[in-house]
Amino acid sequence: MRLSGYRFGRVEVDGVPHHEDLWICGERVGPWWRREGHRVHPEDLAEILEFSPEVVIIGTGFSGMLQVTKEAEALLSSRGIELRALPTKEAVELYNELARKKQVAVLLHLTC
């Protein structure tokens, strides 16, 4: 899958616009709902962990407001999964680069 056209509140996945936070792993795309709007907890990663990604990229929003809790970081680390959390524009670029080489999951917060 290829990501493009990111701007505040919008991203395209293979040319299809999305306006809600989402996750992508392999060829699957789903809505990304979090227990707490601007914090990522371990349970917020459950769906993508089913795919056993090598790398998890978290787009922290337009201004980087989303925070990853230490517990979520520890969960990924305990499974040997590399975490990259960065503003969503950069996360989109990194996903497009890494997804060709590795099993990557990306979770994108499209606003803030």
PDB file of N, CA and C in Angstrom:
ATOM      1  N   MET A   1       0.842  -1.168   0.000  1.00  0.00           N
ATOM      2  CA  MET A   1       0.000   0.000   0.000  1.00  0.00           C
ATOM      3  C   MET A   1       0.893   1.239   0.000  1.00  0.00           C
ATOM      4  N   ARG A   2       0.380   2.281  -0.590  1.00  0.00           N
ATOM      5  CA  ARG A   2       1.140   3.533  -0.665  1.00  0.00           C
ATOM      6  C   ARG A   2       0.309   4.656  -0.050  1.00  0.00           C
ATOM      7  N   LEU A   3       0.974   5.464   0.761  1.00  0.00           N
ATOM      8  CA  LEU A   3       0.331   6.614   1.388  1.00  0.00           C
ATOM      9  C   LEU A   3       0.735   7.879   0.654  1.00  0.00           C
ATOM     10  N   SER A   4      -0.214   8.804   0.528  1.00  0.00           N
ATOM     11  CA  SER A   4       0.091  10.079  -0.137  1.00  0.00           C
ATOM     12  C   SER A   4      -0.908  11.134   0.323  1.00  0.00           C
ATOM     13  N   GLY A   5      -0.650  12.362  -0.094  1.00  0.00           N
ATOM     14  CA  GLY A   5      -1.590  13.457   0.104  1.00  0.00           C
ATOM     15  C   GLY A   5      -1.916  13.779   1.546  1.00  0.00           C
ATOM     16  N   TYR A   6      -0.967  13.534   2.477  1.00  0.00           N
ATOM     17  CA  TYR A   6      -1.287  13.861   3.866  1.00  0.00           C
ATOM     18  C   TYR A   6      -1.379  15.369   4.061  1.00  0.00           C
ATOM     19  N   ARG A   7      -2.433  15.757   4.731  1.00  0.00           N
ATOM     20  CA  ARG A   7      -2.581  17.104   5.263  1.00  0.00           C
ATOM     21  C   ARG A   7      -3.467  16.966   6.496  1.00  0.00           C
ATOM     22  N   PHE A   8      -3.613  18.017   7.254  1.00  0.00           N
ATOM     23  CA  PHE A   8      -4.376  17.970   8.496  1.00  0.00           C
ATOM     24  C   PHE A   8      -5.736  17.319   8.254  1.00  0.00           C
ATOM     25  N   GLY A   9      -5.979  16.178   8.910  1.00  0.00           N
ATOM     26  CA  GLY A   9      -7.269  15.508   8.831  1.00  0.00           C
ATOM     27  C   GLY A   9      -7.501  14.645   7.612  1.00  0.00           C
ATOM     28  N   ARG A  10      -6.460  14.376   6.811  1.00  0.00           N
ATOM     29  CA  ARG A  10      -6.673  13.612   5.569  1.00  0.00           C
ATOM     30  C   ARG A  10      -5.394  12.929   5.120  1.00  0.00           C
ATOM     31  N   VAL A  11      -5.539  11.701   4.616  1.00  0.00           N
ATOM     32  CA  VAL A  11      -4.439  10.983   3.975  1.00  0.00           C
ATOM     33  C   VAL A  11      -5.056  10.069   2.921  1.00  0.00           C
ATOM     34  N   GLU A  12      -4.303   9.787   1.884  1.00  0.00           N
ATOM     35  CA  GLU A  12      -4.758   8.851   0.856  1.00  0.00           C
ATOM     36  C   GLU A  12      -4.010   7.536   1.006  1.00  0.00           C
ATOM     37  N   VAL A  13      -4.768   6.445   0.917  1.00  0.00           N
ATOM     38  CA  VAL A  13      -4.204   5.100   0.934  1.00  0.00           C
ATOM     39  C   VAL A  13      -4.496   4.502  -0.430  1.00  0.00           C
ATOM     40  N   ASP A  14      -3.451   4.291  -1.207  1.00  0.00           N
ATOM     41  CA  ASP A  14      -3.612   3.827  -2.593  1.00  0.00           C
ATOM     42  C   ASP A  14      -4.627   4.678  -3.351  1.00  0.00           C
ATOM     43  N   GLY A  15      -4.558   5.990  -3.147  1.00  0.00           N
ATOM     44  CA  GLY A  15      -5.411   6.929  -3.864  1.00  0.00           C
ATOM     45  C   GLY A  15      -6.789   7.145  -3.271  1.00  0.00           C
ATOM     46  N   VAL A  16      -7.140   6.389  -2.234  1.00  0.00           N
ATOM     47  CA  VAL A  16      -8.456   6.518  -1.600  1.00  0.00           C
ATOM     48  C   VAL A  16      -8.324   7.425  -0.375  1.00  0.00           C
ATOM     49  N   PRO A  17      -9.071   8.535  -0.327  1.00  0.00           N
ATOM     50  CA  PRO A  17      -8.953   9.444   0.815  1.00  0.00           C
ATOM     51  C   PRO A  17      -9.563   8.865   2.094  1.00  0.00           C
ATOM     52  N   HIS A  18      -8.887   9.132   3.202  1.00  0.00           N
ATOM     53  CA  HIS A  18      -9.363   8.754   4.540  1.00  0.00           C
ATOM     54  C   HIS A  18      -9.327  10.004   5.401  1.00  0.00           C
ATOM     55  N   HIS A  19     -10.350  10.153   6.254  1.00  0.00           N
ATOM     56  CA  HIS A  19     -10.472  11.346   7.089  1.00  0.00           C
ATOM     57  C   HIS A  19     -10.520  11.018   8.577  1.00  0.00           C
ATOM     58  N   GLU A  20     -10.311   9.774   8.925  1.00  0.00           N
ATOM     59  CA  GLU A  20     -10.306   9.331  10.321  1.00  0.00           C
ATOM     60  C   GLU A  20      -8.963   8.675  10.608  1.00  0.00           C
ATOM     61  N   ASP A  21      -8.554   8.673  11.879  1.00  0.00           N
ATOM     62  CA  ASP A  21      -7.332   7.972  12.259  1.00  0.00           C
ATOM     63  C   ASP A  21      -7.439   6.514  11.824  1.00  0.00           C
ATOM     64  N   LEU A  22      -6.318   5.947  11.387  1.00  0.00           N
ATOM     65  CA  LEU A  22      -6.349   4.601  10.846  1.00  0.00           C
ATOM     66  C   LEU A  22      -5.051   3.865  11.098  1.00  0.00           C
ATOM     67  N   TRP A  23      -5.108   2.539  10.907  1.00  0.00           N
ATOM     68  CA  TRP A  23      -3.914   1.708  10.938  1.00  0.00           C
ATOM     69  C   TRP A  23      -3.835   0.939   9.630  1.00  0.00           C
ATOM     70  N   ILE A  24      -2.615   0.598   9.259  1.00  0.00           N
ATOM     71  CA  ILE A  24      -2.368  -0.212   8.062  1.00  0.00           C
ATOM     72  C   ILE A  24      -1.323  -1.250   8.428  1.00  0.00           C
ATOM     73  N   CYS A  25      -1.590  -2.469   8.058  1.00  0.00           N
ATOM     74  CA  CYS A  25      -0.601  -3.532   8.219  1.00  0.00           C
ATOM     75  C   CYS A  25      -0.811  -4.512   7.074  1.00  0.00           C
ATOM     76  N   GLY A  26       0.247  -4.734   6.305  1.00  0.00           N
ATOM     77  CA  GLY A  26       0.107  -5.565   5.119  1.00  0.00           C
ATOM     78  C   GLY A  26      -0.872  -4.913   4.160  1.00  0.00           C
ATOM     79  N   GLU A  27      -1.862  -5.657   3.754  1.00  0.00           N
ATOM     80  CA  GLU A  27      -2.871  -5.144   2.826  1.00  0.00           C
ATOM     81  C   GLU A  27      -4.166  -4.751   3.542  1.00  0.00           C
ATOM     82  N   ARG A  28      -4.117  -4.679   4.863  1.00  0.00           N
ATOM     83  CA  ARG A  28      -5.323  -4.355   5.631  1.00  0.00           C
ATOM     84  C   ARG A  28      -5.277  -2.935   6.168  1.00  0.00           C
ATOM     85  N   VAL A  29      -6.429  -2.308   6.160  1.00  0.00           N
ATOM     86  CA  VAL A  29      -6.597  -0.949   6.681  1.00  0.00           C
ATOM     87  C   VAL A  29      -7.782  -0.976   7.639  1.00  0.00           C
ATOM     88  N   GLY A  30      -7.639  -0.320   8.778  1.00  0.00           N
ATOM     89  CA  GLY A  30      -8.747  -0.276   9.724  1.00  0.00           C
ATOM     90  C   GLY A  30      -8.778   1.033  10.484  1.00  0.00           C
ATOM     91  N   PRO A  31      -9.912   1.336  11.104  1.00  0.00           N
ATOM     92  CA  PRO A  31     -10.010   2.552  11.915  1.00  0.00           C
ATOM     93  C   PRO A  31      -9.201   2.379  13.196  1.00  0.00           C
ATOM     94  N   TRP A  32      -8.572   3.441  13.634  1.00  0.00           N
ATOM     95  CA  TRP A  32      -7.757   3.377  14.848  1.00  0.00           C
ATOM     96  C   TRP A  32      -8.418   4.183  15.949  1.00  0.00           C
ATOM     97  N   TRP A  33      -9.053   3.476  16.877  1.00  0.00           N
ATOM     98  CA  TRP A  33      -9.689   4.097  18.036  1.00  0.00           C
ATOM     99  C   TRP A  33      -8.787   3.877  19.231  1.00  0.00           C
ATOM    100  N   ARG A  34      -8.608   4.913  20.028  1.00  0.00           N
ATOM    101  CA  ARG A  34      -7.766   4.819  21.213  1.00  0.00           C
ATOM    102  C   ARG A  34      -8.592   5.060  22.466  1.00  0.00           C
ATOM    103  N   ARG A  35      -8.171   4.404  23.521  1.00  0.00           N
ATOM    104  CA  ARG A  35      -8.818   4.556  24.824  1.00  0.00           C
ATOM    105  C   ARG A  35      -8.823   6.018  25.261  1.00  0.00           C
ATOM    106  N   GLU A  36      -7.740   6.688  24.994  1.00  0.00           N
ATOM    107  CA  GLU A  36      -7.566   8.081  25.397  1.00  0.00           C
ATOM    108  C   GLU A  36      -7.053   8.825  24.173  1.00  0.00           C
ATOM    109  N   GLY A  37      -7.764   9.835  23.735  1.00  0.00           N
ATOM    110  CA  GLY A  37      -7.500  10.506  22.467  1.00  0.00           C
ATOM    111  C   GLY A  37      -6.067  10.793  22.082  1.00  0.00           C
ATOM    112  N   HIS A  38      -5.270  11.345  22.991  1.00  0.00           N
ATOM    113  CA  HIS A  38      -3.921  11.758  22.613  1.00  0.00           C
ATOM    114  C   HIS A  38      -2.821  10.969  23.310  1.00  0.00           C
ATOM    115  N   ARG A  39      -3.155   9.756  23.756  1.00  0.00           N
ATOM    116  CA  ARG A  39      -2.159   8.871  24.365  1.00  0.00           C
ATOM    117  C   ARG A  39      -2.369   7.463  23.820  1.00  0.00           C
ATOM    118  N   VAL A  40      -1.271   6.802  23.512  1.00  0.00           N
ATOM    119  CA  VAL A  40      -1.327   5.430  23.005  1.00  0.00           C
ATOM    120  C   VAL A  40      -1.003   4.485  24.157  1.00  0.00           C
ATOM    121  N   HIS A  41      -1.950   3.605  24.468  1.00  0.00           N
ATOM    122  CA  HIS A  41      -1.807   2.595  25.516  1.00  0.00           C
ATOM    123  C   HIS A  41      -1.616   1.228  24.855  1.00  0.00           C
ATOM    124  N   PRO A  42      -1.133   0.231  25.598  1.00  0.00           N
ATOM    125  CA  PRO A  42      -0.918  -1.091  24.999  1.00  0.00           C
ATOM    126  C   PRO A  42      -2.139  -1.643  24.263  1.00  0.00           C
ATOM    127  N   GLU A  43      -3.332  -1.472  24.831  1.00  0.00           N
ATOM    128  CA  GLU A  43      -4.524  -2.027  24.178  1.00  0.00           C
ATOM    129  C   GLU A  43      -4.839  -1.345  22.848  1.00  0.00           C
ATOM    130  N   ASP A  44      -4.301  -0.160  22.633  1.00  0.00           N
ATOM    131  CA  ASP A  44      -4.512   0.555  21.372  1.00  0.00           C
ATOM    132  C   ASP A  44      -3.711  -0.051  20.224  1.00  0.00           C
ATOM    133  N   LEU A  45      -2.833  -0.995  20.551  1.00  0.00           N
ATOM    134  CA  LEU A  45      -1.977  -1.633  19.547  1.00  0.00           C
ATOM    135  C   LEU A  45      -2.431  -3.049  19.212  1.00  0.00           C
ATOM    136  N   ALA A  46      -3.484  -3.528  19.866  1.00  0.00           N
ATOM    137  CA  ALA A  46      -3.896  -4.928  19.763  1.00  0.00           C
ATOM    138  C   ALA A  46      -4.092  -5.408  18.327  1.00  0.00           C
ATOM    139  N   GLU A  47      -4.793  -4.647  17.519  1.00  0.00           N
ATOM    140  CA  GLU A  47      -5.098  -5.114  16.158  1.00  0.00           C
ATOM    141  C   GLU A  47      -3.849  -5.303  15.314  1.00  0.00           C
ATOM    142  N   ILE A  48      -2.901  -4.405  15.413  1.00  0.00           N
ATOM    143  CA  ILE A  48      -1.718  -4.525  14.559  1.00  0.00           C
ATOM    144  C   ILE A  48      -0.754  -5.597  15.068  1.00  0.00           C
ATOM    145  N   LEU A  49      -0.792  -5.913  16.354  1.00  0.00           N
ATOM    146  CA  LEU A  49       0.113  -6.937  16.886  1.00  0.00           C
ATOM    147  C   LEU A  49      -0.216  -8.318  16.341  1.00  0.00           C
ATOM    148  N   GLU A  50      -1.454  -8.529  15.912  1.00  0.00           N
ATOM    149  CA  GLU A  50      -1.844  -9.804  15.298  1.00  0.00           C
ATOM    150  C   GLU A  50      -1.014 -10.107  14.056  1.00  0.00           C
ATOM    151  N   PHE A  51      -0.457  -9.074  13.424  1.00  0.00           N
ATOM    152  CA  PHE A  51       0.296  -9.230  12.185  1.00  0.00           C
ATOM    153  C   PHE A  51       1.794  -9.431  12.412  1.00  0.00           C
ATOM    154  N   SER A  52       2.237  -9.384  13.663  1.00  0.00           N
ATOM    155  CA  SER A  52       3.656  -9.543  14.012  1.00  0.00           C
ATOM    156  C   SER A  52       4.568  -8.648  13.177  1.00  0.00           C
ATOM    157  N   PRO A  53       4.368  -7.342  13.229  1.00  0.00           N
ATOM    158  CA  PRO A  53       5.231  -6.448  12.446  1.00  0.00           C
ATOM    159  C   PRO A  53       6.648  -6.397  13.012  1.00  0.00           C
ATOM    160  N   GLU A  54       7.599  -6.096  12.140  1.00  0.00           N
ATOM    161  CA  GLU A  54       8.979  -5.865  12.573  1.00  0.00           C
ATOM    162  C   GLU A  54       9.122  -4.440  13.104  1.00  0.00           C
ATOM    163  N   VAL A  55       8.372  -3.526  12.494  1.00  0.00           N
ATOM    164  CA  VAL A  55       8.440  -2.110  12.836  1.00  0.00           C
ATOM    165  C   VAL A  55       7.017  -1.577  12.988  1.00  0.00           C
ATOM    166  N   VAL A  56       6.806  -0.771  14.021  1.00  0.00           N
ATOM    167  CA  VAL A  56       5.547  -0.044  14.185  1.00  0.00           C
ATOM    168  C   VAL A  56       5.877   1.439  14.088  1.00  0.00           C
ATOM    169  N   ILE A  57       5.220   2.098  13.141  1.00  0.00           N
ATOM    170  CA  ILE A  57       5.369   3.543  12.969  1.00  0.00           C
ATOM    171  C   ILE A  57       4.088   4.188  13.477  1.00  0.00           C
ATOM    172  N   ILE A  58       4.238   5.145  14.370  1.00  0.00           N
ATOM    173  CA  ILE A  58       3.078   5.869  14.881  1.00  0.00           C
ATOM    174  C   ILE A  58       3.184   7.322  14.443  1.00  0.00           C
ATOM    175  N   GLY A  59       2.197   7.754  13.660  1.00  0.00           N
ATOM    176  CA  GLY A  59       2.103   9.155  13.272  1.00  0.00           C
ATOM    177  C   GLY A  59       1.443   9.919  14.401  1.00  0.00           C
ATOM    178  N   THR A  60       2.185  10.828  15.010  1.00  0.00           N
ATOM    179  CA  THR A  60       1.729  11.506  16.226  1.00  0.00           C
ATOM    180  C   THR A  60       0.894  12.759  15.962  1.00  0.00           C
ATOM    181  N   GLY A  61       0.488  12.950  14.718  1.00  0.00           N
ATOM    182  CA  GLY A  61      -0.368  14.078  14.376  1.00  0.00           C
ATOM    183  C   GLY A  61       0.366  15.173  13.633  1.00  0.00           C
ATOM    184  N   PHE A  62      -0.391  16.117  13.142  1.00  0.00           N
ATOM    185  CA  PHE A  62       0.150  17.233  12.369  1.00  0.00           C
ATOM    186  C   PHE A  62       1.179  18.008  13.177  1.00  0.00           C
ATOM    187  N   SER A  63       0.884  18.225  14.449  1.00  0.00           N
ATOM    188  CA  SER A  63       1.790  18.967  15.339  1.00  0.00           C
ATOM    189  C   SER A  63       2.495  18.066  16.344  1.00  0.00           C
ATOM    190  N   GLY A  64       2.315  16.753  16.214  1.00  0.00           N
ATOM    191  CA  GLY A  64       2.985  15.815  17.113  1.00  0.00           C
ATOM    192  C   GLY A  64       2.401  15.747  18.507  1.00  0.00           C
ATOM    193  N   MET A  65       1.102  15.968  18.656  1.00  0.00           N
ATOM    194  CA  MET A  65       0.462  16.015  19.976  1.00  0.00           C
ATOM    195  C   MET A  65       0.242  14.639  20.614  1.00  0.00           C
ATOM    196  N   LEU A  66       0.140  13.594  19.807  1.00  0.00           N
ATOM    197  CA  LEU A  66      -0.112  12.250  20.329  1.00  0.00           C
ATOM    198  C   LEU A  66       1.130  11.738  21.052  1.00  0.00           C
ATOM    199  N   GLN A  67       0.937  11.125  22.210  1.00  0.00           N
ATOM    200  CA  GLN A  67       2.047  10.588  22.988  1.00  0.00           C
ATOM    201  C   GLN A  67       1.902   9.081  23.133  1.00  0.00           C
ATOM    202  N   VAL A  68       3.030   8.386  23.085  1.00  0.00           N
ATOM    203  CA  VAL A  68       3.060   6.940  23.284  1.00  0.00           C
ATOM    204  C   VAL A  68       3.443   6.697  24.741  1.00  0.00           C
ATOM    205  N   THR A  69       2.609   5.951  25.477  1.00  0.00           N
ATOM    206  CA  THR A  69       2.908   5.691  26.883  1.00  0.00           C
ATOM    207  C   THR A  69       4.105   4.757  27.009  1.00  0.00           C
ATOM    208  N   LYS A  70       4.746   4.817  28.155  1.00  0.00           N
ATOM    209  CA  LYS A  70       5.883   3.932  28.425  1.00  0.00           C
ATOM    210  C   LYS A  70       5.447   2.474  28.387  1.00  0.00           C
ATOM    211  N   GLU A  71       4.206   2.205  28.803  1.00  0.00           N
ATOM    212  CA  GLU A  71       3.690   0.837  28.780  1.00  0.00           C
ATOM    213  C   GLU A  71       3.552   0.321  27.349  1.00  0.00           C
ATOM    214  N   ALA A  72       3.113   1.169  26.445  1.00  0.00           N
ATOM    215  CA  ALA A  72       3.010   0.774  25.031  1.00  0.00           C
ATOM    216  C   ALA A  72       4.398   0.554  24.447  1.00  0.00           C
ATOM    217  N   GLU A  73       5.336   1.436  24.779  1.00  0.00           N
ATOM    218  CA  GLU A  73       6.721   1.257  24.323  1.00  0.00           C
ATOM    219  C   GLU A  73       7.277  -0.062  24.832  1.00  0.00           C
ATOM    220  N   ALA A  74       7.033  -0.375  26.108  1.00  0.00           N
ATOM    221  CA  ALA A  74       7.543  -1.608  26.712  1.00  0.00           C
ATOM    222  C   ALA A  74       6.936  -2.842  26.051  1.00  0.00           C
ATOM    223  N   LEU A  75       5.660  -2.789  25.725  1.00  0.00           N
ATOM    224  CA  LEU A  75       5.008  -3.918  25.055  1.00  0.00           C
ATOM    225  C   LEU A  75       5.690  -4.219  23.727  1.00  0.00           C
ATOM    226  N   LEU A  76       5.898  -3.197  22.926  1.00  0.00           N
ATOM    227  CA  LEU A  76       6.546  -3.401  21.629  1.00  0.00           C
ATOM    228  C   LEU A  76       7.972  -3.906  21.814  1.00  0.00           C
ATOM    229  N   SER A  77       8.698  -3.320  22.728  1.00  0.00           N
ATOM    230  CA  SER A  77      10.075  -3.726  22.988  1.00  0.00           C
ATOM    231  C   SER A  77      10.149  -5.189  23.430  1.00  0.00           C
ATOM    232  N   SER A  78       9.219  -5.611  24.276  1.00  0.00           N
ATOM    233  CA  SER A  78       9.218  -6.992  24.776  1.00  0.00           C
ATOM    234  C   SER A  78       8.985  -8.007  23.665  1.00  0.00           C
ATOM    235  N   ARG A  79       8.407  -7.564  22.570  1.00  0.00           N
ATOM    236  CA  ARG A  79       8.166  -8.443  21.419  1.00  0.00           C
ATOM    237  C   ARG A  79       9.210  -8.265  20.325  1.00  0.00           C
ATOM    238  N   GLY A  80      10.219  -7.460  20.607  1.00  0.00           N
ATOM    239  CA  GLY A  80      11.280  -7.237  19.628  1.00  0.00           C
ATOM    240  C   GLY A  80      10.851  -6.384  18.452  1.00  0.00           C
ATOM    241  N   ILE A  81       9.842  -5.540  18.653  1.00  0.00           N
ATOM    242  CA  ILE A  81       9.311  -4.688  17.587  1.00  0.00           C
ATOM    243  C   ILE A  81       9.895  -3.292  17.728  1.00  0.00           C
ATOM    244  N   GLU A  82      10.469  -2.798  16.650  1.00  0.00           N
ATOM    245  CA  GLU A  82      11.018  -1.440  16.637  1.00  0.00           C
ATOM    246  C   GLU A  82       9.876  -0.431  16.575  1.00  0.00           C
ATOM    247  N   LEU A  83       9.953   0.602  17.394  1.00  0.00           N
ATOM    248  CA  LEU A  83       8.948   1.667  17.407  1.00  0.00           C
ATOM    249  C   LEU A  83       9.550   2.939  16.850  1.00  0.00           C
ATOM    250  N   ARG A  84       8.827   3.559  15.933  1.00  0.00           N
ATOM    251  CA  ARG A  84       9.194   4.884  15.421  1.00  0.00           C
ATOM    252  C   ARG A  84       7.966   5.762  15.563  1.00  0.00           C
ATOM    253  N   ALA A  85       8.011   6.742  16.460  1.00  0.00           N
ATOM    254  CA  ALA A  85       6.904   7.681  16.669  1.00  0.00           C
ATOM    255  C   ALA A  85       7.367   9.058  16.233  1.00  0.00           C
ATOM    256  N   LEU A  86       6.665   9.638  15.265  1.00  0.00           N
ATOM    257  CA  LEU A  86       7.058  10.927  14.717  1.00  0.00           C
ATOM    258  C   LEU A  86       5.848  11.622  14.114  1.00  0.00           C
ATOM    259  N   PRO A  87       5.925  12.925  13.869  1.00  0.00           N
ATOM    260  CA  PRO A  87       4.783  13.621  13.278  1.00  0.00           C
ATOM    261  C   PRO A  87       4.268  12.892  12.031  1.00  0.00           C
ATOM    262  N   THR A  88       2.981  12.967  11.825  1.00  0.00           N
ATOM    263  CA  THR A  88       2.336  12.146  10.796  1.00  0.00           C
ATOM    264  C   THR A  88       2.910  12.355   9.401  1.00  0.00           C
ATOM    265  N   LYS A  89       3.248  13.561   9.028  1.00  0.00           N
ATOM    266  CA  LYS A  89       3.836  13.781   7.694  1.00  0.00           C
ATOM    267  C   LYS A  89       5.103  12.949   7.526  1.00  0.00           C
ATOM    268  N   GLU A  90       5.960  12.955   8.540  1.00  0.00           N
ATOM    269  CA  GLU A  90       7.192  12.172   8.492  1.00  0.00           C
ATOM    270  C   GLU A  90       6.903  10.676   8.577  1.00  0.00           C
ATOM    271  N   ALA A  91       5.888  10.301   9.353  1.00  0.00           N
ATOM    272  CA  ALA A  91       5.510   8.893   9.474  1.00  0.00           C
ATOM    273  C   ALA A  91       5.052   8.334   8.133  1.00  0.00           C
ATOM    274  N   VAL A  92       4.304   9.127   7.372  1.00  0.00           N
ATOM    275  CA  VAL A  92       3.851   8.715   6.039  1.00  0.00           C
ATOM    276  C   VAL A  92       5.054   8.461   5.136  1.00  0.00           C
ATOM    277  N   GLU A  93       6.010   9.360   5.150  1.00  0.00           N
ATOM    278  CA  GLU A  93       7.209   9.205   4.315  1.00  0.00           C
ATOM    279  C   GLU A  93       8.011   7.976   4.729  1.00  0.00           C
ATOM    280  N   LEU A  94       8.182   7.779   6.037  1.00  0.00           N
ATOM    281  CA  LEU A  94       8.939   6.626   6.524  1.00  0.00           C
ATOM    282  C   LEU A  94       8.236   5.326   6.169  1.00  0.00           C
ATOM    283  N   TYR A  95       6.919   5.286   6.319  1.00  0.00           N
ATOM    284  CA  TYR A  95       6.164   4.084   5.953  1.00  0.00           C
ATOM    285  C   TYR A  95       6.391   3.730   4.487  1.00  0.00           C
ATOM    286  N   ASN A  96       6.268   4.707   3.601  1.00  0.00           N
ATOM    287  CA  ASN A  96       6.453   4.430   2.175  1.00  0.00           C
ATOM    288  C   ASN A  96       7.843   3.885   1.888  1.00  0.00           C
ATOM    289  N   GLU A  97       8.832   4.342   2.626  1.00  0.00           N
ATOM    290  CA  GLU A  97      10.203   3.861   2.442  1.00  0.00           C
ATOM    291  C   GLU A  97      10.388   2.445   2.997  1.00  0.00           C
ATOM    292  N   LEU A  98       9.934   2.200   4.220  1.00  0.00           N
ATOM    293  CA  LEU A  98      10.194   0.922   4.878  1.00  0.00           C
ATOM    294  C   LEU A  98       9.279  -0.212   4.440  1.00  0.00           C
ATOM    295  N   ALA A  99       8.057   0.098   4.047  1.00  0.00           N
ATOM    296  CA  ALA A  99       7.085  -0.954   3.727  1.00  0.00           C
ATOM    297  C   ALA A  99       7.523  -1.813   2.550  1.00  0.00           C
ATOM    298  N   ARG A 100       8.437  -1.315   1.743  1.00  0.00           N
ATOM    299  CA  ARG A 100       8.945  -2.114   0.616  1.00  0.00           C
ATOM    300  C   ARG A 100       9.955  -3.160   1.077  1.00  0.00           C
ATOM    301  N   LYS A 101      10.520  -2.966   2.280  1.00  0.00           N
ATOM    302  CA  LYS A 101      11.614  -3.813   2.743  1.00  0.00           C
ATOM    303  C   LYS A 101      11.268  -4.672   3.954  1.00  0.00           C
ATOM    304  N   LYS A 102      10.306  -4.242   4.751  1.00  0.00           N
ATOM    305  CA  LYS A 102      10.023  -4.904   6.025  1.00  0.00           C
ATOM    306  C   LYS A 102       8.526  -5.052   6.244  1.00  0.00           C
ATOM    307  N   GLN A 103       8.187  -5.893   7.227  1.00  0.00           N
ATOM    308  CA  GLN A 103       6.795  -6.015   7.672  1.00  0.00           C
ATOM    309  C   GLN A 103       6.532  -4.837   8.614  1.00  0.00           C
ATOM    310  N   VAL A 104       5.791  -3.847   8.129  1.00  0.00           N
ATOM    311  CA  VAL A 104       5.589  -2.597   8.856  1.00  0.00           C
ATOM    312  C   VAL A 104       4.106  -2.385   9.137  1.00  0.00           C
ATOM    313  N   ALA A 105       3.827  -1.944  10.351  1.00  0.00           N
ATOM    314  CA  ALA A 105       2.483  -1.473  10.691  1.00  0.00           C
ATOM    315  C   ALA A 105       2.590   0.025  10.925  1.00  0.00           C
ATOM    316  N   VAL A 106       1.604   0.758  10.440  1.00  0.00           N
ATOM    317  CA  VAL A 106       1.581   2.203  10.674  1.00  0.00           C
ATOM    318  C   VAL A 106       0.229   2.566  11.276  1.00  0.00           C
ATOM    319  N   LEU A 107       0.274   3.417  12.281  1.00  0.00           N
ATOM    320  CA  LEU A 107      -0.929   3.923  12.933  1.00  0.00           C
ATOM    321  C   LEU A 107      -0.863   5.435  12.825  1.00  0.00           C
ATOM    322  N   LEU A 108      -1.878   6.031  12.230  1.00  0.00           N
ATOM    323  CA  LEU A 108      -1.815   7.458  11.927  1.00  0.00           C
ATOM    324  C   LEU A 108      -2.898   8.260  12.635  1.00  0.00           C
ATOM    325  N   HIS A 109      -2.449   9.251  13.388  1.00  0.00           N
ATOM    326  CA  HIS A 109      -3.339  10.266  13.961  1.00  0.00           C
ATOM    327  C   HIS A 109      -3.320  11.416  12.956  1.00  0.00           C
ATOM    328  N   LEU A 110      -4.450  11.735  12.365  1.00  0.00           N
ATOM    329  CA  LEU A 110      -4.483  12.659  11.229  1.00  0.00           C
ATOM    330  C   LEU A 110      -4.633  14.128  11.602  1.00  0.00           C
ATOM    331  N   THR A 111      -5.039  14.414  12.826  1.00  0.00           N
ATOM    332  CA  THR A 111      -5.197  15.814  13.224  1.00  0.00           C
ATOM    333  C   THR A 111      -4.133  16.185  14.259  1.00  0.00           C
ATOM    334  N   CYS A 112      -4.330  17.269  14.958  1.00  0.00           N
ATOM    335  CA  CYS A 112      -3.463  17.769  16.045  1.00  0.00           C
ATOM    336  C   CYS A 112      -1.991  17.585  15.774  1.00  0.00           C
TER     337      CYS A 112
END
